[in-house]
Amino acid sequence: MSGPIDKMFPVSWDQFHRDARALAWRLSGLPPFSSMVAVTRGGLAPAAIIARELGLRIIETLCVASYSGGEGGTPEQAQGGLKMLKPVAPFILDNGGASVLVVDDLADTGATARLIRASLPRAHIATVYAKPAGRPFVDTFVTEVSQDTWINFPWDLHLSFAPPIGGASS
């Protein structure tokens, strides 16, 4: 997350599933993909849904850490430098990643997508959500949110009271 956080966007499992299926629908109109790379951790859930919808069975992971601070996806975390924890298998790199679909949950600043493009310049990068700074670095996405919005993904949420947007409660 770059810059101050002004808005929160909570996403339920139902909404995330619908959005990931919408992404699969958009991708289904493209030439078929031979394999998929799921960017961990956020890309694992949409990758599972998209792989099912597109009939993809060869799924590799690219493990990248980009947020510093504690665990749990809290807004207090600052996006720091990228750290490659595990690269993709060598066969994915063949032909610059042509016919490879790379899936992640969010394109925030575009830093992860730029890292992916360096090793897979011909891959198709798709994210469920994109922010203005990250949007130019992905090929396909479903929903754009403002740069000052923190997306609360379903795996980061638990049920609790939410104060009214206007501030006053009845």
Protein backbone atom coordinates (compact mmCIF):
# COMPACT_ATOMS: atom_id res chain seq x y z
CA MET A 1 0.00 0.00 0.00
CA SER A 2 1.46 3.33 -1.00
CA GLY A 3 0.38 6.56 0.65
CA PRO A 4 -2.13 7.16 3.45
CA ILE A 5 -5.14 4.89 3.91
CA ASP A 6 -8.42 6.79 3.75
CA LYS A 7 -10.86 4.02 2.90
CA MET A 8 -11.47 0.40 3.80
CA PHE A 9 -12.96 -2.03 1.30
CA PRO A 10 -14.03 -5.29 2.99
CA VAL A 11 -14.44 -8.21 0.60
CA SER A 12 -16.42 -11.29 1.69
CA TRP A 13 -15.67 -14.81 0.48
CA ASP A 14 -18.82 -14.68 -1.67
CA GLN A 15 -17.80 -11.41 -3.28
CA PHE A 16 -14.24 -12.58 -3.81
CA HIS A 17 -15.48 -15.78 -5.46
CA ARG A 18 -17.75 -13.77 -7.78
CA ASP A 19 -14.92 -11.38 -8.65
CA ALA A 20 -12.45 -14.22 -9.32
CA ARG A 21 -15.04 -15.93 -11.56
CA ALA A 22 -15.56 -12.62 -13.38
CA LEU A 23 -11.82 -12.51 -13.98
CA ALA A 24 -11.94 -16.07 -15.32
CA TRP A 25 -14.78 -15.04 -17.62
CA ARG A 26 -12.66 -12.22 -19.06
CA LEU A 27 -9.68 -14.53 -19.47
CA SER A 28 -11.77 -17.22 -21.18
CA GLY A 29 -12.02 -15.05 -24.29
CA LEU A 30 -8.25 -15.07 -24.76
CA PRO A 31 -6.13 -17.73 -26.46
CA PRO A 32 -5.77 -20.74 -24.12
CA PHE A 33 -3.08 -20.75 -21.48
CA SER A 34 -0.74 -23.74 -21.07
CA SER A 35 -0.02 -23.14 -17.39
CA MET A 36 -0.60 -20.79 -14.51
CA VAL A 37 1.61 -19.10 -11.94
CA ALA A 38 -0.05 -18.16 -8.66
CA VAL A 39 1.69 -15.34 -6.80
CA THR A 40 1.77 -16.28 -3.13
CA ARG A 41 0.05 -15.73 -0.94
CA GLY A 42 -2.72 -13.50 -2.24
CA GLY A 43 -2.87 -15.11 -5.66
CA LEU A 44 -3.51 -18.62 -4.36
CA ALA A 45 -7.27 -18.25 -3.78
CA PRO A 46 -8.10 -16.62 -7.12
CA ALA A 47 -5.73 -19.01 -8.91
CA ALA A 48 -7.68 -22.01 -7.59
CA ILE A 49 -10.96 -20.56 -8.84
CA ILE A 50 -9.56 -19.48 -12.21
CA ALA A 51 -7.75 -22.80 -12.76
CA ARG A 52 -11.04 -24.62 -12.26
CA GLU A 53 -12.96 -22.31 -14.58
CA LEU A 54 -10.33 -22.42 -17.35
CA GLY A 55 -9.44 -26.10 -16.94
CA LEU A 56 -5.79 -25.42 -16.09
CA ARG A 57 -3.92 -28.22 -14.34
CA ILE A 58 -0.30 -27.05 -14.46
CA ILE A 59 -0.03 -24.53 -11.63
CA GLU A 60 3.26 -23.19 -10.36
CA THR A 61 3.91 -20.68 -7.58
CA LEU A 62 6.04 -17.57 -7.41
CA CYS A 63 6.67 -16.67 -3.80
CA VAL A 64 7.24 -12.96 -3.18
CA ALA A 65 7.12 -10.94 0.03
CA SER A 66 6.36 -7.27 -0.45
CA TYR A 67 4.83 -6.02 2.80
CA SER A 68 6.94 -5.37 5.85
CA GLY A 69 5.69 -5.43 9.39
CA GLY A 70 3.63 -8.03 11.23
CA GLU A 71 1.37 -10.70 9.84
CA GLY A 72 -2.28 -10.32 9.04
CA GLY A 73 -2.54 -7.69 6.31
CA THR A 74 -3.07 -4.78 8.66
CA PRO A 75 -3.18 -1.28 7.20
CA GLU A 76 -0.25 -0.33 9.41
CA GLN A 77 2.00 -2.46 7.23
CA ALA A 78 4.06 -0.51 4.74
CA GLN A 79 4.87 -1.93 1.37
CA GLY A 80 8.62 -2.36 1.29
CA GLY A 81 11.11 -3.80 -1.13
CA LEU A 82 10.28 -7.06 -2.83
CA LYS A 83 11.93 -10.24 -1.68
CA MET A 84 11.86 -13.30 -3.94
CA LEU A 85 11.30 -16.27 -1.67
CA LYS A 86 10.88 -18.87 -4.45
CA PRO A 87 11.17 -18.37 -8.21
CA VAL A 88 9.09 -20.27 -10.74
CA ALA A 89 10.20 -23.62 -12.15
CA PRO A 90 12.57 -23.32 -15.12
CA PHE A 91 10.09 -24.79 -17.64
CA ILE A 92 7.73 -21.85 -16.98
CA LEU A 93 10.47 -19.48 -18.16
CA ASP A 94 10.64 -21.13 -21.60
CA ASN A 95 9.81 -18.74 -24.41
CA GLY A 96 9.56 -15.80 -22.00
CA GLY A 97 6.42 -17.20 -20.42
CA ALA A 98 4.34 -17.20 -23.60
CA SER A 99 0.94 -18.83 -22.91
CA VAL A 100 1.53 -18.56 -19.13
CA LEU A 101 -1.15 -16.94 -16.99
CA VAL A 102 0.09 -15.21 -13.82
CA VAL A 103 -2.60 -14.60 -11.16
CA ASP A 104 -2.49 -12.35 -8.12
CA ASP A 105 -5.14 -10.79 -5.90
CA LEU A 106 -4.13 -7.13 -6.28
CA ALA A 107 -1.93 -4.81 -8.30
CA ASP A 108 -1.18 -2.07 -5.76
CA THR A 109 1.95 -0.21 -6.87
CA GLY A 110 2.84 -2.57 -9.73
CA ALA A 111 6.11 -3.62 -8.08
CA THR A 112 5.27 -7.34 -8.09
CA ALA A 113 4.07 -7.20 -11.70
CA ARG A 114 7.30 -5.45 -12.74
CA LEU A 115 9.31 -8.19 -11.03
CA ILE A 116 7.27 -10.82 -12.89
CA ARG A 117 7.73 -9.04 -16.25
CA ALA A 118 11.50 -9.13 -15.77
CA SER A 119 11.52 -12.93 -15.91
CA LEU A 120 8.28 -13.62 -17.81
CA PRO A 121 7.96 -10.77 -20.34
CA ARG A 122 5.42 -12.64 -22.51
CA ALA A 123 3.20 -13.90 -19.67
CA HIS A 124 -0.33 -12.59 -19.19
CA ILE A 125 -0.68 -10.99 -15.75
CA ALA A 126 -4.18 -10.92 -14.26
CA THR A 127 -5.35 -9.59 -10.91
CA VAL A 128 -8.76 -9.49 -9.32
CA TYR A 129 -8.29 -5.90 -8.13
CA ALA A 130 -6.08 -3.05 -9.34
CA LYS A 131 -5.20 0.38 -8.05
CA PRO A 132 -4.27 3.25 -10.38
CA ALA A 133 -0.52 2.90 -9.73
CA GLY A 134 -0.59 -0.85 -10.43
CA ARG A 135 -3.10 -0.95 -13.28
CA PRO A 136 -0.61 -0.20 -16.11
CA PHE A 137 1.45 -3.26 -15.17
CA VAL A 138 -1.30 -5.89 -15.48
CA ASP A 139 -3.05 -7.15 -18.60
CA THR A 140 -6.45 -8.02 -17.14
CA PHE A 141 -8.26 -7.12 -13.91
CA VAL A 142 -11.87 -6.95 -12.73
CA THR A 143 -12.27 -4.06 -10.29
CA GLU A 144 -10.31 -0.86 -9.81
CA VAL A 145 -10.17 0.73 -6.38
CA SER A 146 -8.62 4.06 -5.42
CA GLN A 147 -5.00 4.17 -4.36
CA ASP A 148 -5.97 5.29 -0.84
CA THR A 149 -8.15 2.21 -0.24
CA TRP A 150 -7.07 -0.77 1.87
CA ILE A 151 -8.71 -3.97 0.67
CA ASN A 152 -9.65 -6.28 3.52
CA PHE A 153 -9.52 -9.69 1.87
CA PRO A 154 -11.70 -12.46 3.31
CA TRP A 155 -8.72 -14.39 4.65
CA ASP A 156 -7.80 -11.32 6.72
CA LEU A 157 -11.25 -10.77 8.24
CA HIS A 158 -13.31 -12.04 11.15
CA LEU A 159 -16.80 -11.09 12.23
CA SER A 160 -16.97 -7.99 14.39
CA PHE A 161 -18.84 -4.71 14.78
CA ALA A 162 -18.28 -2.16 12.02
CA PRO A 163 -18.87 1.48 12.92
CA PRO A 164 -21.14 3.48 10.58
CA ILE A 165 -19.38 5.28 7.73
CA GLY A 166 -20.77 8.63 8.92
CA GLY A 167 -19.24 8.14 12.35
CA ALA A 168 -22.34 8.24 14.55
CA SER A 169 -24.06 5.08 15.70
CA SER A 170 -27.68 4.82 16.73
